[in-house]
Amino acid sequence: MDNVYINILTDSLKEKLKILEEIEAVDDRETALLAEDNTDLKAFNENMDKKSVLIERLDRLDDGFEDTYSRVKAELGINKDKYRAEIKAMQELIGKISEKTVRIEAVEARNRETVQNKFRARRMELKGKRTSVKVANAYSDNMRRINKIDSFFVDKKK
């Protein structure tokens, strides 16, 4: 087996770590946007689009890593001693990737909760406004009925 495949795997892990760092930055921006009283929805959507692109890159990278690893898995298992240093370096990268993934998932969970709370509050606000409009309309209708004098006949014959 060539060291080429091991280099591809290592480079793939390094690239994955880099993309995860970019996702962390995007998540930090998302957290900042959600912390604002009036969240800029356009900026929030742009941020989400950016994150989607990064996630797609990450998925493609994972697929490539899995394909390459499936080719060299047997060789790495048989010659563990020969590739000990490379395996150790990849394990360290995988550890860093796992740590970043856990941190990203925690931030994502907090952001998801914040978004849900904002939507819930906005829904309640809109419901309150609808109720206010209904009450105002009902009051207006009642006042029109009160001020409306029904027509009546005055009989002048006696």
N, C-alpha and C. Protein backbone atom coordinates (compact mmCIF):
# COMPACT_ATOMS: atom_id res chain seq x y z
N MET A 1 0.85 -1.19 0.00
CA MET A 1 0.00 0.00 0.00
C MET A 1 0.89 1.24 0.00
N ASP A 2 0.43 2.22 -0.66
CA ASP A 2 1.14 3.48 -0.77
C ASP A 2 0.77 4.39 0.39
N ASN A 3 1.67 5.29 0.74
CA ASN A 3 1.35 6.30 1.75
C ASN A 3 0.37 7.33 1.20
N VAL A 4 0.11 7.25 -0.09
CA VAL A 4 -0.80 8.20 -0.74
C VAL A 4 -2.18 8.13 -0.10
N TYR A 5 -2.67 6.91 0.12
CA TYR A 5 -4.00 6.76 0.72
C TYR A 5 -4.03 7.30 2.15
N ILE A 6 -2.96 7.05 2.88
CA ILE A 6 -2.90 7.55 4.26
C ILE A 6 -2.84 9.08 4.25
N ASN A 7 -2.12 9.65 3.31
CA ASN A 7 -2.07 11.11 3.18
C ASN A 7 -3.43 11.67 2.81
N ILE A 8 -4.14 10.96 1.96
CA ILE A 8 -5.49 11.39 1.57
C ILE A 8 -6.40 11.39 2.80
N LEU A 9 -6.31 10.31 3.59
CA LEU A 9 -7.13 10.23 4.81
C LEU A 9 -6.79 11.36 5.78
N THR A 10 -5.51 11.58 5.99
CA THR A 10 -5.07 12.63 6.91
C THR A 10 -5.50 14.01 6.41
N ASP A 11 -5.31 14.26 5.13
CA ASP A 11 -5.73 15.55 4.56
C ASP A 11 -7.24 15.73 4.68
N SER A 12 -7.97 14.65 4.47
CA SER A 12 -9.43 14.69 4.58
C SER A 12 -9.85 15.07 6.01
N LEU A 13 -9.18 14.47 6.99
CA LEU A 13 -9.49 14.80 8.39
C LEU A 13 -9.14 16.25 8.72
N LYS A 14 -8.02 16.72 8.21
CA LYS A 14 -7.63 18.12 8.44
C LYS A 14 -8.64 19.08 7.81
N GLU A 15 -9.09 18.74 6.61
CA GLU A 15 -10.09 19.57 5.93
C GLU A 15 -11.41 19.57 6.71
N LYS A 16 -11.77 18.40 7.22
CA LYS A 16 -12.99 18.30 8.02
C LYS A 16 -12.89 19.18 9.26
N LEU A 17 -11.75 19.17 9.90
CA LEU A 17 -11.53 20.00 11.08
C LEU A 17 -11.66 21.49 10.72
N LYS A 18 -11.12 21.85 9.58
CA LYS A 18 -11.19 23.24 9.11
C LYS A 18 -12.65 23.65 8.85
N ILE A 19 -13.41 22.77 8.22
CA ILE A 19 -14.82 23.06 7.93
C ILE A 19 -15.61 23.17 9.23
N LEU A 20 -15.31 22.31 10.19
CA LEU A 20 -15.99 22.38 11.49
C LEU A 20 -15.70 23.70 12.19
N GLU A 21 -14.47 24.21 12.04
CA GLU A 21 -14.13 25.51 12.61
C GLU A 21 -14.95 26.62 11.94
N GLU A 22 -15.15 26.50 10.63
CA GLU A 22 -15.98 27.47 9.92
C GLU A 22 -17.43 27.38 10.39
N ILE A 23 -17.91 26.18 10.62
CA ILE A 23 -19.27 26.00 11.13
C ILE A 23 -19.40 26.61 12.52
N GLU A 24 -18.36 26.47 13.33
CA GLU A 24 -18.37 27.10 14.66
C GLU A 24 -18.50 28.61 14.54
N ALA A 25 -17.78 29.20 13.60
CA ALA A 25 -17.86 30.65 13.39
C ALA A 25 -19.26 31.05 12.94
N VAL A 26 -19.85 30.27 12.05
CA VAL A 26 -21.21 30.55 11.57
C VAL A 26 -22.20 30.42 12.73
N ASP A 27 -22.01 29.41 13.56
CA ASP A 27 -22.88 29.23 14.73
C ASP A 27 -22.75 30.39 15.71
N ASP A 28 -21.52 30.90 15.88
CA ASP A 28 -21.33 32.06 16.76
C ASP A 28 -22.07 33.28 16.21
N ARG A 29 -22.02 33.45 14.91
CA ARG A 29 -22.75 34.56 14.27
C ARG A 29 -24.25 34.37 14.46
N GLU A 30 -24.72 33.13 14.34
CA GLU A 30 -26.13 32.83 14.54
C GLU A 30 -26.56 33.15 15.97
N THR A 31 -25.72 32.79 16.92
CA THR A 31 -26.01 33.09 18.32
C THR A 31 -26.11 34.59 18.54
N ALA A 32 -25.18 35.34 17.93
CA ALA A 32 -25.21 36.80 18.06
C ALA A 32 -26.47 37.38 17.44
N LEU A 33 -26.87 36.86 16.29
CA LEU A 33 -28.09 37.35 15.64
C LEU A 33 -29.32 37.06 16.50
N LEU A 34 -29.36 35.89 17.10
CA LEU A 34 -30.50 35.51 17.92
C LEU A 34 -30.54 36.29 19.24
N ALA A 35 -29.40 36.81 19.67
CA ALA A 35 -29.36 37.57 20.90
C ALA A 35 -29.97 38.97 20.74
N GLU A 36 -30.06 39.43 19.50
CA GLU A 36 -30.64 40.75 19.23
C GLU A 36 -32.14 40.71 19.50
N ASP A 37 -32.68 41.83 19.99
CA ASP A 37 -34.11 41.91 20.26
C ASP A 37 -34.92 41.72 18.98
N ASN A 38 -34.56 42.46 17.95
CA ASN A 38 -35.22 42.31 16.65
C ASN A 38 -34.24 41.62 15.71
N THR A 39 -34.32 40.32 15.66
CA THR A 39 -33.41 39.52 14.84
C THR A 39 -33.58 39.89 13.38
N ASP A 40 -32.47 40.15 12.72
CA ASP A 40 -32.47 40.44 11.29
C ASP A 40 -32.67 39.12 10.55
N LEU A 41 -33.88 38.89 10.07
CA LEU A 41 -34.21 37.61 9.44
C LEU A 41 -33.43 37.37 8.15
N LYS A 42 -33.15 38.44 7.43
CA LYS A 42 -32.39 38.29 6.18
C LYS A 42 -30.98 37.80 6.50
N ALA A 43 -30.34 38.43 7.47
CA ALA A 43 -28.99 38.01 7.87
C ALA A 43 -29.02 36.60 8.45
N PHE A 44 -30.07 36.29 9.20
CA PHE A 44 -30.21 34.96 9.78
C PHE A 44 -30.32 33.90 8.69
N ASN A 45 -31.14 34.17 7.68
CA ASN A 45 -31.30 33.23 6.55
C ASN A 45 -30.00 33.07 5.76
N GLU A 46 -29.29 34.18 5.55
CA GLU A 46 -28.01 34.11 4.85
C GLU A 46 -27.02 33.24 5.63
N ASN A 47 -27.04 33.41 6.94
CA ASN A 47 -26.18 32.62 7.81
C ASN A 47 -26.52 31.13 7.71
N MET A 48 -27.82 30.83 7.68
CA MET A 48 -28.26 29.44 7.56
C MET A 48 -27.85 28.85 6.20
N ASP A 49 -27.94 29.65 5.15
CA ASP A 49 -27.52 29.20 3.82
C ASP A 49 -26.02 28.87 3.80
N LYS A 50 -25.26 29.74 4.45
CA LYS A 50 -23.82 29.53 4.53
C LYS A 50 -23.52 28.21 5.26
N LYS A 51 -24.25 27.97 6.34
CA LYS A 51 -24.05 26.74 7.10
C LYS A 51 -24.45 25.52 6.27
N SER A 52 -25.50 25.63 5.49
CA SER A 52 -25.93 24.51 4.63
C SER A 52 -24.83 24.14 3.63
N VAL A 53 -24.20 25.15 3.05
CA VAL A 53 -23.12 24.89 2.09
C VAL A 53 -21.96 24.16 2.79
N LEU A 54 -21.63 24.61 4.00
CA LEU A 54 -20.54 23.96 4.74
C LEU A 54 -20.90 22.52 5.09
N ILE A 55 -22.13 22.29 5.46
CA ILE A 55 -22.56 20.93 5.81
C ILE A 55 -22.52 20.02 4.59
N GLU A 56 -22.90 20.55 3.43
CA GLU A 56 -22.81 19.76 2.19
C GLU A 56 -21.36 19.39 1.89
N ARG A 57 -20.45 20.34 2.07
CA ARG A 57 -19.02 20.05 1.87
C ARG A 57 -18.56 18.97 2.84
N LEU A 58 -19.02 19.08 4.06
CA LEU A 58 -18.66 18.10 5.10
C LEU A 58 -19.17 16.71 4.73
N ASP A 59 -20.38 16.63 4.23
CA ASP A 59 -20.95 15.34 3.81
C ASP A 59 -20.14 14.71 2.67
N ARG A 60 -19.79 15.54 1.69
CA ARG A 60 -18.99 15.01 0.56
C ARG A 60 -17.63 14.52 1.05
N LEU A 61 -17.05 15.28 1.97
CA LEU A 61 -15.76 14.91 2.53
C LEU A 61 -15.86 13.59 3.31
N ASP A 62 -16.92 13.43 4.08
CA ASP A 62 -17.13 12.18 4.81
C ASP A 62 -17.28 11.00 3.88
N ASP A 63 -18.04 11.20 2.79
CA ASP A 63 -18.22 10.12 1.82
C ASP A 63 -16.88 9.71 1.21
N GLY A 64 -16.08 10.69 0.85
CA GLY A 64 -14.76 10.41 0.27
C GLY A 64 -13.85 9.71 1.27
N PHE A 65 -13.91 10.15 2.52
CA PHE A 65 -13.09 9.52 3.56
C PHE A 65 -13.49 8.06 3.73
N GLU A 66 -14.77 7.80 3.80
CA GLU A 66 -15.25 6.42 3.98
C GLU A 66 -14.84 5.53 2.81
N ASP A 67 -14.94 6.05 1.59
CA ASP A 67 -14.52 5.27 0.41
C ASP A 67 -13.04 4.94 0.48
N THR A 68 -12.23 5.94 0.79
CA THR A 68 -10.79 5.73 0.85
C THR A 68 -10.44 4.78 2.00
N TYR A 69 -11.06 4.97 3.14
CA TYR A 69 -10.76 4.12 4.29
C TYR A 69 -11.13 2.67 4.01
N SER A 70 -12.25 2.45 3.31
CA SER A 70 -12.65 1.07 3.00
C SER A 70 -11.61 0.38 2.12
N ARG A 71 -10.87 1.14 1.34
CA ARG A 71 -9.82 0.57 0.48
C ARG A 71 -8.58 0.15 1.27
N VAL A 72 -8.28 0.90 2.34
CA VAL A 72 -7.02 0.65 3.05
C VAL A 72 -7.22 0.03 4.44
N LYS A 73 -8.45 -0.20 4.81
CA LYS A 73 -8.75 -0.72 6.15
C LYS A 73 -8.00 -2.02 6.45
N ALA A 74 -8.09 -2.95 5.54
CA ALA A 74 -7.44 -4.25 5.74
C ALA A 74 -5.93 -4.09 5.88
N GLU A 75 -5.34 -3.29 5.02
CA GLU A 75 -3.88 -3.07 5.05
C GLU A 75 -3.46 -2.42 6.36
N LEU A 76 -4.22 -1.45 6.83
CA LEU A 76 -3.89 -0.79 8.09
C LEU A 76 -4.02 -1.77 9.27
N GLY A 77 -5.00 -2.65 9.20
CA GLY A 77 -5.18 -3.64 10.26
C GLY A 77 -4.04 -4.65 10.31
N ILE A 78 -3.57 -5.05 9.15
CA ILE A 78 -2.50 -6.04 9.08
C ILE A 78 -1.16 -5.42 9.47
N ASN A 79 -0.88 -4.24 9.01
CA ASN A 79 0.42 -3.59 9.24
C ASN A 79 0.33 -2.43 10.24
N LYS A 80 -0.27 -2.69 11.38
CA LYS A 80 -0.43 -1.62 12.39
C LYS A 80 0.90 -1.01 12.79
N ASP A 81 1.90 -1.86 12.97
CA ASP A 81 3.20 -1.35 13.41
C ASP A 81 3.85 -0.45 12.37
N LYS A 82 3.70 -0.80 11.11
CA LYS A 82 4.30 -0.03 10.03
C LYS A 82 3.70 1.38 9.95
N TYR A 83 2.40 1.48 10.23
CA TYR A 83 1.69 2.77 10.09
C TYR A 83 1.29 3.36 11.44
N ARG A 84 1.99 2.95 12.49
CA ARG A 84 1.64 3.39 13.84
C ARG A 84 1.58 4.92 13.97
N ALA A 85 2.57 5.62 13.48
CA ALA A 85 2.62 7.08 13.60
C ALA A 85 1.47 7.74 12.84
N GLU A 86 1.19 7.24 11.64
CA GLU A 86 0.12 7.81 10.84
C GLU A 86 -1.24 7.54 11.48
N ILE A 87 -1.40 6.33 12.00
CA ILE A 87 -2.66 5.98 12.68
C ILE A 87 -2.85 6.85 13.90
N LYS A 88 -1.77 7.06 14.66
CA LYS A 88 -1.84 7.91 15.87
C LYS A 88 -2.23 9.34 15.49
N ALA A 89 -1.64 9.87 14.41
CA ALA A 89 -1.96 11.23 13.97
C ALA A 89 -3.43 11.33 13.56
N MET A 90 -3.93 10.31 12.86
CA MET A 90 -5.33 10.31 12.45
C MET A 90 -6.25 10.20 13.67
N GLN A 91 -5.87 9.40 14.65
CA GLN A 91 -6.68 9.27 15.86
C GLN A 91 -6.76 10.59 16.61
N GLU A 92 -5.65 11.33 16.64
CA GLU A 92 -5.66 12.64 17.30
C GLU A 92 -6.58 13.61 16.55
N LEU A 93 -6.52 13.59 15.24
CA LEU A 93 -7.41 14.44 14.44
C LEU A 93 -8.87 14.06 14.67
N ILE A 94 -9.14 12.77 14.72
CA ILE A 94 -10.51 12.31 14.95
C ILE A 94 -10.99 12.75 16.34
N GLY A 95 -10.10 12.73 17.32
CA GLY A 95 -10.45 13.21 18.67
C GLY A 95 -10.82 14.69 18.65
N LYS A 96 -10.02 15.50 17.94
CA LYS A 96 -10.32 16.93 17.83
C LYS A 96 -11.64 17.16 17.10
N ILE A 97 -11.87 16.36 16.06
CA ILE A 97 -13.11 16.48 15.30
C ILE A 97 -14.29 16.14 16.19
N SER A 98 -14.15 15.10 16.99
CA SER A 98 -15.24 14.71 17.90
C SER A 98 -15.54 15.81 18.91
N GLU A 99 -14.49 16.42 19.47
CA GLU A 99 -14.68 17.51 20.43
C GLU A 99 -15.43 18.68 19.78
N LYS A 100 -14.99 19.04 18.59
CA LYS A 100 -15.65 20.16 17.88
C LYS A 100 -17.10 19.82 17.57
N THR A 101 -17.34 18.59 17.17
CA THR A 101 -18.70 18.16 16.84
C THR A 101 -19.60 18.27 18.06
N VAL A 102 -19.11 17.85 19.21
CA VAL A 102 -19.90 17.93 20.44
C VAL A 102 -20.19 19.40 20.78
N ARG A 103 -19.19 20.26 20.65
CA ARG A 103 -19.40 21.69 20.93
C ARG A 103 -20.41 22.30 19.96
N ILE A 104 -20.29 21.95 18.70
CA ILE A 104 -21.21 22.48 17.69
C ILE A 104 -22.63 22.01 17.98
N GLU A 105 -22.78 20.74 18.33
CA GLU A 105 -24.12 20.22 18.64
C GLU A 105 -24.73 20.94 19.85
N ALA A 106 -23.91 21.27 20.84
CA ALA A 106 -24.41 21.99 22.02
C ALA A 106 -24.88 23.39 21.64
N VAL A 107 -24.09 24.08 20.83
CA VAL A 107 -24.47 25.43 20.39
C VAL A 107 -25.73 25.36 19.53
N GLU A 108 -25.79 24.36 18.65
CA GLU A 108 -26.97 24.19 17.80
C GLU A 108 -28.22 23.96 18.66
N ALA A 109 -28.11 23.16 19.70
CA ALA A 109 -29.25 22.89 20.57
C ALA A 109 -29.70 24.17 21.27
N ARG A 110 -28.75 24.97 21.76
CA ARG A 110 -29.10 26.24 22.41
C ARG A 110 -29.75 27.19 21.41
N ASN A 111 -29.20 27.27 20.22
CA ASN A 111 -29.77 28.16 19.20
C ASN A 111 -31.16 27.71 18.78
N ARG A 112 -31.34 26.40 18.66
CA ARG A 112 -32.66 25.86 18.30
C ARG A 112 -33.69 26.23 19.37
N GLU A 113 -33.30 26.12 20.62
CA GLU A 113 -34.19 26.47 21.73
C GLU A 113 -34.51 27.97 21.70
N THR A 114 -33.51 28.78 21.42
CA THR A 114 -33.72 30.23 21.34
C THR A 114 -34.69 30.57 20.21
N VAL A 115 -34.51 29.93 19.06
CA VAL A 115 -35.40 30.18 17.91
C VAL A 115 -36.82 29.77 18.27
N GLN A 116 -36.98 28.62 18.88
CA GLN A 116 -38.31 28.16 19.26
C GLN A 116 -38.96 29.13 20.25
N ASN A 117 -38.18 29.62 21.21
CA ASN A 117 -38.73 30.59 22.17
C ASN A 117 -39.12 31.89 21.49
N LYS A 118 -38.30 32.34 20.54
CA LYS A 118 -38.64 33.58 19.82
C LYS A 118 -39.92 33.39 19.01
N PHE A 119 -40.04 32.26 18.33
CA PHE A 119 -41.25 32.00 17.55
C PHE A 119 -42.47 31.88 18.46
N ARG A 120 -42.30 31.23 19.60
CA ARG A 120 -43.40 31.08 20.54
C ARG A 120 -43.86 32.46 21.05
N ALA A 121 -42.89 33.30 21.40
CA ALA A 121 -43.22 34.65 21.88
C ALA A 121 -43.89 35.46 20.77
N ARG A 122 -43.40 35.34 19.57
CA ARG A 122 -43.98 36.08 18.44
C ARG A 122 -45.41 35.61 18.16
N ARG A 123 -45.63 34.29 18.25
CA ARG A 123 -46.97 33.75 18.07
C ARG A 123 -47.93 34.31 19.12
N MET A 124 -47.47 34.34 20.37
CA MET A 124 -48.31 34.87 21.45
C MET A 124 -48.59 36.36 21.23
N GLU A 125 -47.59 37.08 20.76
CA GLU A 125 -47.76 38.50 20.48
C GLU A 125 -48.81 38.70 19.38
N LEU A 126 -48.70 37.92 18.33
CA LEU A 126 -49.67 38.03 17.23
C LEU A 126 -51.06 37.60 17.69
N LYS A 127 -51.13 36.58 18.52
CA LYS A 127 -52.42 36.14 19.04
C LYS A 127 -53.05 37.25 19.88
N GLY A 128 -52.23 37.93 20.69
CA GLY A 128 -52.71 39.04 21.49
C GLY A 128 -53.21 40.18 20.62
N LYS A 129 -52.51 40.45 19.53
CA LYS A 129 -52.94 41.50 18.61
C LYS A 129 -54.25 41.14 17.94
N ARG A 130 -54.38 39.86 17.55
CA ARG A 130 -55.64 39.43 16.93
C ARG A 130 -56.79 39.56 17.92
N THR A 131 -56.54 39.19 19.16
CA THR A 131 -57.57 39.31 20.19
C THR A 131 -57.94 40.78 20.40
N SER A 132 -56.95 41.65 20.41
CA SER A 132 -57.20 43.08 20.56
C SER A 132 -58.04 43.62 19.41
N VAL A 133 -57.73 43.18 18.20
CA VAL A 133 -58.49 43.61 17.03
C VAL A 133 -59.92 43.11 17.13
N LYS A 134 -60.11 41.87 17.55
CA LYS A 134 -61.46 41.32 17.71
C LYS A 134 -62.25 42.11 18.74
N VAL A 135 -61.60 42.40 19.86
CA VAL A 135 -62.28 43.17 20.91
C VAL A 135 -62.63 44.56 20.41
N ALA A 136 -61.71 45.21 19.71
CA ALA A 136 -61.97 46.55 19.18
C ALA A 136 -63.11 46.51 18.16
N ASN A 137 -63.12 45.51 17.30
CA ASN A 137 -64.20 45.39 16.32
C ASN A 137 -65.54 45.13 17.00
N ALA A 138 -65.54 44.28 18.00
CA ALA A 138 -66.78 43.99 18.73
C ALA A 138 -67.28 45.26 19.43
N TYR A 139 -66.38 46.01 20.02
CA TYR A 139 -66.76 47.26 20.69
C TYR A 139 -67.34 48.23 19.68
N SER A 140 -66.67 48.35 18.55
CA SER A 140 -67.12 49.26 17.50
C SER A 140 -68.51 48.86 17.00
N ASP A 141 -68.73 47.58 16.77
CA ASP A 141 -70.05 47.09 16.33
C ASP A 141 -71.12 47.39 17.38
N ASN A 142 -70.79 47.16 18.63
CA ASN A 142 -71.76 47.42 19.71
C ASN A 142 -72.10 48.91 19.81
N MET A 143 -71.09 49.74 19.67
CA MET A 143 -71.33 51.19 19.76
C MET A 143 -72.19 51.66 18.58
N ARG A 144 -71.99 51.10 17.41
CA ARG A 144 -72.81 51.46 16.26
C ARG A 144 -74.26 51.07 16.50
N ARG A 145 -74.46 49.93 17.10
CA ARG A 145 -75.82 49.47 17.39
C ARG A 145 -76.49 50.34 18.45
N ILE A 146 -75.74 50.76 19.42
CA ILE A 146 -76.31 51.59 20.49
C ILE A 146 -76.71 52.95 19.95
N ASN A 147 -75.87 53.53 19.14
CA ASN A 147 -76.12 54.87 18.61
C ASN A 147 -77.12 54.87 17.46
N LYS A 148 -77.47 53.73 16.99
CA LYS A 148 -78.40 53.64 15.88
C LYS A 148 -79.82 53.71 16.45
N ILE A 149 -80.56 54.64 15.97
CA ILE A 149 -81.94 54.79 16.42
C ILE A 149 -82.81 54.13 15.39
N ASP A 150 -83.62 53.20 15.84
CA ASP A 150 -84.51 52.51 14.92
C ASP A 150 -85.58 53.48 14.44
N SER A 151 -85.94 53.36 13.20
CA SER A 151 -86.97 54.23 12.67
C SER A 151 -88.33 53.81 13.27
N PHE A 152 -89.16 54.80 13.41
CA PHE A 152 -90.49 54.49 13.96
C PHE A 152 -91.49 55.44 13.32
N PHE A 153 -92.75 55.00 13.36
CA PHE A 153 -93.84 55.81 12.82
C PHE A 153 -94.46 56.61 13.93
N VAL A 154 -94.79 57.77 13.59
CA VAL A 154 -95.59 58.59 14.52
C VAL A 154 -96.96 58.70 13.89
N ASP A 155 -97.91 58.19 14.58
CA ASP A 155 -99.29 58.20 14.07
C ASP A 155 -99.94 59.50 14.52
N LYS A 156 -100.28 60.35 13.56
CA LYS A 156 -100.86 61.64 13.90
C LYS A 156 -102.37 61.58 13.98
N LYS A 157 -102.95 60.50 13.65
CA LYS A 157 -104.41 60.39 13.73
C LYS A 157 -104.78 60.08 15.15
N LYS A 158 -105.86 60.73 15.52
CA LYS A 158 -106.40 60.46 16.84
C LYS A 158 -107.83 60.51 16.84
